[in-house]
Amino acid sequence: MKYIIYDGCYPILFPSHLDHAEIHIGVSKHFEKVTSAGFCKLDDDGKLYCAGYSKSLSNHLNKTISAKATDIQVISSHFSE
């Protein structure tokens, strides 16, 4: 699973076969700025974590866009009620 986080609090999750830049082009009019992007993965204990970076999005925006240590908290906060 891939993701992009906009404005530090709005995650977009999408299947790995789609490209970060493609998704960004489709939704960017709704958000101010990309704050991070990467991959969601399960570790050996089944715990979700975020890692990596987006080559296509980095090329598209002309700056490095990568995962941040806080991304999993941003994403998981949208699943808690």
N, C-alpha and C. Protein backbone atom coordinates (compact mmCIF):
# COMPACT_ATOMS: atom_id res chain seq x y z
N MET A 1 0.86 -1.17 0.00
CA MET A 1 0.00 0.00 0.00
C MET A 1 0.90 1.23 0.00
N LYS A 2 0.53 2.23 -0.79
CA LYS A 2 1.26 3.50 -0.83
C LYS A 2 0.40 4.58 -0.19
N TYR A 3 1.05 5.69 0.16
CA TYR A 3 0.29 6.81 0.73
C TYR A 3 0.97 8.13 0.41
N ILE A 4 0.17 9.18 0.49
CA ILE A 4 0.63 10.57 0.46
C ILE A 4 -0.09 11.28 1.59
N ILE A 5 0.64 12.10 2.35
CA ILE A 5 0.01 12.91 3.39
C ILE A 5 0.09 14.37 2.96
N TYR A 6 -1.07 15.02 2.98
CA TYR A 6 -1.17 16.43 2.62
C TYR A 6 -1.37 17.27 3.88
N ASP A 7 -0.77 18.43 3.89
CA ASP A 7 -0.96 19.42 4.95
C ASP A 7 -0.72 18.86 6.35
N GLY A 8 0.07 17.81 6.45
CA GLY A 8 0.41 17.22 7.73
C GLY A 8 -0.66 16.40 8.41
N CYS A 9 -1.86 16.31 7.79
CA CYS A 9 -2.94 15.60 8.48
C CYS A 9 -3.94 14.87 7.59
N TYR A 10 -3.80 14.93 6.29
CA TYR A 10 -4.76 14.29 5.39
C TYR A 10 -4.08 13.18 4.57
N PRO A 11 -4.22 11.93 5.01
CA PRO A 11 -3.59 10.84 4.26
C PRO A 11 -4.47 10.32 3.13
N ILE A 12 -3.83 10.01 2.03
CA ILE A 12 -4.48 9.34 0.90
C ILE A 12 -3.77 8.00 0.78
N LEU A 13 -4.50 6.91 0.93
CA LEU A 13 -3.96 5.56 0.80
C LEU A 13 -4.42 4.96 -0.52
N PHE A 14 -3.52 4.25 -1.19
CA PHE A 14 -3.89 3.67 -2.48
C PHE A 14 -3.03 2.45 -2.78
N PRO A 15 -3.48 1.59 -3.69
CA PRO A 15 -2.75 0.36 -4.01
C PRO A 15 -1.36 0.62 -4.58
N SER A 16 -0.47 -0.31 -4.33
CA SER A 16 0.93 -0.17 -4.73
C SER A 16 1.15 -0.10 -6.23
N HIS A 17 0.22 -0.61 -7.03
CA HIS A 17 0.43 -0.59 -8.47
C HIS A 17 0.19 0.81 -9.07
N LEU A 18 -0.40 1.72 -8.30
CA LEU A 18 -0.60 3.09 -8.76
C LEU A 18 0.62 3.93 -8.40
N ASP A 19 0.83 5.00 -9.14
CA ASP A 19 1.99 5.86 -8.97
C ASP A 19 1.66 7.05 -8.07
N HIS A 20 2.58 7.40 -7.17
CA HIS A 20 2.38 8.56 -6.30
C HIS A 20 2.04 9.83 -7.10
N ALA A 21 2.80 10.09 -8.15
CA ALA A 21 2.58 11.31 -8.94
C ALA A 21 1.21 11.32 -9.60
N GLU A 22 0.75 10.16 -10.08
CA GLU A 22 -0.58 10.08 -10.70
C GLU A 22 -1.67 10.45 -9.70
N ILE A 23 -1.56 9.91 -8.50
CA ILE A 23 -2.55 10.20 -7.46
C ILE A 23 -2.50 11.68 -7.09
N HIS A 24 -1.30 12.21 -6.93
CA HIS A 24 -1.13 13.61 -6.58
C HIS A 24 -1.79 14.53 -7.62
N ILE A 25 -1.58 14.25 -8.88
CA ILE A 25 -2.17 15.08 -9.94
C ILE A 25 -3.70 15.07 -9.83
N GLY A 26 -4.26 13.92 -9.46
CA GLY A 26 -5.71 13.81 -9.35
C GLY A 26 -6.33 14.50 -8.15
N VAL A 27 -5.59 14.62 -7.05
CA VAL A 27 -6.19 15.16 -5.82
C VAL A 27 -5.56 16.47 -5.34
N SER A 28 -4.50 16.92 -5.96
CA SER A 28 -3.76 18.08 -5.44
C SER A 28 -4.57 19.38 -5.38
N LYS A 29 -5.59 19.50 -6.20
CA LYS A 29 -6.39 20.74 -6.17
C LYS A 29 -7.17 20.88 -4.86
N HIS A 30 -7.28 19.81 -4.09
CA HIS A 30 -8.03 19.82 -2.85
C HIS A 30 -7.18 20.11 -1.62
N PHE A 31 -5.84 20.14 -1.78
CA PHE A 31 -4.94 20.28 -0.64
C PHE A 31 -3.87 21.33 -0.90
N GLU A 32 -3.27 21.86 0.18
CA GLU A 32 -2.23 22.88 0.10
C GLU A 32 -0.90 22.30 -0.35
N LYS A 33 -0.33 21.37 0.44
CA LYS A 33 1.00 20.86 0.09
C LYS A 33 1.21 19.42 0.55
N VAL A 34 2.09 18.74 -0.14
CA VAL A 34 2.50 17.38 0.22
C VAL A 34 3.49 17.49 1.37
N THR A 35 3.24 16.78 2.45
CA THR A 35 4.18 16.81 3.57
C THR A 35 5.01 15.53 3.67
N SER A 36 4.50 14.42 3.15
CA SER A 36 5.27 13.17 3.12
C SER A 36 4.59 12.15 2.22
N ALA A 37 5.34 11.11 1.89
CA ALA A 37 4.80 10.02 1.07
C ALA A 37 5.71 8.81 1.22
N GLY A 38 5.15 7.65 0.99
CA GLY A 38 5.95 6.43 1.10
C GLY A 38 5.07 5.20 0.95
N PHE A 39 5.44 4.16 1.72
CA PHE A 39 4.77 2.87 1.67
C PHE A 39 4.33 2.46 3.06
N CYS A 40 3.15 1.86 3.17
CA CYS A 40 2.69 1.25 4.42
C CYS A 40 2.99 -0.23 4.31
N LYS A 41 3.61 -0.77 5.35
CA LYS A 41 3.99 -2.18 5.35
C LYS A 41 3.72 -2.78 6.71
N LEU A 42 3.65 -4.11 6.76
CA LEU A 42 3.53 -4.83 8.03
C LEU A 42 4.90 -5.37 8.42
N ASP A 43 5.28 -5.20 9.71
CA ASP A 43 6.53 -5.79 10.16
C ASP A 43 6.30 -7.26 10.51
N ASP A 44 7.30 -7.93 11.01
CA ASP A 44 7.21 -9.37 11.32
C ASP A 44 6.18 -9.67 12.40
N ASP A 45 5.87 -8.69 13.23
CA ASP A 45 4.87 -8.87 14.29
C ASP A 45 3.47 -8.46 13.85
N GLY A 46 3.31 -8.09 12.58
CA GLY A 46 2.02 -7.68 12.06
C GLY A 46 1.65 -6.24 12.36
N LYS A 47 2.63 -5.46 12.82
CA LYS A 47 2.39 -4.05 13.12
C LYS A 47 2.65 -3.20 11.88
N LEU A 48 1.73 -2.28 11.60
CA LEU A 48 1.84 -1.42 10.43
C LEU A 48 2.88 -0.33 10.67
N TYR A 49 3.69 -0.06 9.67
CA TYR A 49 4.65 1.03 9.73
C TYR A 49 4.77 1.68 8.36
N CYS A 50 5.34 2.87 8.35
CA CYS A 50 5.54 3.63 7.11
C CYS A 50 7.03 3.80 6.85
N ALA A 51 7.40 3.70 5.57
CA ALA A 51 8.82 3.81 5.21
C ALA A 51 8.94 4.25 3.76
N GLY A 52 10.18 4.54 3.37
CA GLY A 52 10.48 4.81 1.97
C GLY A 52 10.27 6.24 1.54
N TYR A 53 10.17 6.39 0.24
CA TYR A 53 9.99 7.70 -0.37
C TYR A 53 9.31 7.51 -1.71
N SER A 54 8.99 8.62 -2.37
CA SER A 54 8.35 8.57 -3.68
C SER A 54 9.26 9.18 -4.73
N LYS A 55 9.82 8.36 -5.57
CA LYS A 55 10.67 8.86 -6.65
C LYS A 55 9.85 9.68 -7.65
N SER A 56 8.67 9.18 -8.04
CA SER A 56 7.87 9.88 -9.04
C SER A 56 7.36 11.22 -8.52
N LEU A 57 6.94 11.26 -7.27
CA LEU A 57 6.44 12.51 -6.69
C LEU A 57 7.59 13.48 -6.45
N SER A 58 8.73 12.98 -6.02
CA SER A 58 9.92 13.83 -5.84
C SER A 58 10.32 14.47 -7.17
N ASN A 59 10.30 13.68 -8.24
CA ASN A 59 10.62 14.22 -9.57
C ASN A 59 9.58 15.25 -10.02
N HIS A 60 8.32 14.95 -9.77
CA HIS A 60 7.23 15.83 -10.18
C HIS A 60 7.29 17.18 -9.46
N LEU A 61 7.63 17.15 -8.15
CA LEU A 61 7.64 18.38 -7.35
C LEU A 61 9.03 19.01 -7.23
N ASN A 62 10.03 18.35 -7.80
CA ASN A 62 11.41 18.83 -7.75
C ASN A 62 11.95 18.99 -6.33
N LYS A 63 11.54 18.11 -5.44
CA LYS A 63 12.09 18.05 -4.08
C LYS A 63 11.86 16.66 -3.53
N THR A 64 12.69 16.24 -2.59
CA THR A 64 12.58 14.89 -2.04
C THR A 64 11.35 14.79 -1.14
N ILE A 65 10.51 13.80 -1.45
CA ILE A 65 9.31 13.52 -0.66
C ILE A 65 9.47 12.11 -0.09
N SER A 66 9.56 12.02 1.24
CA SER A 66 9.78 10.71 1.86
C SER A 66 8.89 10.54 3.09
N ALA A 67 8.92 9.32 3.63
CA ALA A 67 8.15 9.00 4.83
C ALA A 67 8.74 9.73 6.03
N LYS A 68 7.87 10.04 6.99
CA LYS A 68 8.30 10.65 8.25
C LYS A 68 7.93 9.72 9.39
N ALA A 69 8.63 9.85 10.50
CA ALA A 69 8.40 8.99 11.66
C ALA A 69 6.96 9.10 12.19
N THR A 70 6.32 10.23 11.98
CA THR A 70 4.96 10.45 12.51
C THR A 70 3.85 10.02 11.55
N ASP A 71 4.20 9.55 10.37
CA ASP A 71 3.18 9.22 9.36
C ASP A 71 2.20 8.16 9.84
N ILE A 72 2.66 7.14 10.52
CA ILE A 72 1.75 6.08 10.95
C ILE A 72 0.73 6.61 11.96
N GLN A 73 1.11 7.57 12.80
CA GLN A 73 0.16 8.17 13.74
C GLN A 73 -0.89 8.99 12.98
N VAL A 74 -0.46 9.74 11.96
CA VAL A 74 -1.39 10.53 11.16
C VAL A 74 -2.40 9.61 10.48
N ILE A 75 -1.91 8.53 9.88
CA ILE A 75 -2.80 7.60 9.18
C ILE A 75 -3.73 6.89 10.17
N SER A 76 -3.19 6.35 11.26
CA SER A 76 -4.02 5.59 12.20
C SER A 76 -5.04 6.46 12.92
N SER A 77 -4.78 7.76 13.05
CA SER A 77 -5.75 8.64 13.73
C SER A 77 -7.08 8.71 12.97
N HIS A 78 -7.06 8.42 11.70
CA HIS A 78 -8.29 8.46 10.90
C HIS A 78 -9.10 7.18 11.01
N PHE A 79 -8.55 6.17 11.70
CA PHE A 79 -9.27 4.92 11.89
C PHE A 79 -9.82 4.78 13.30
N SER A 80 -9.47 5.68 14.20
CA SER A 80 -9.94 5.57 15.58
C SER A 80 -11.16 6.46 15.80
N GLU A 81 -12.07 5.97 16.57
CA GLU A 81 -13.29 6.72 16.89
C GLU A 81 -13.50 6.66 18.37
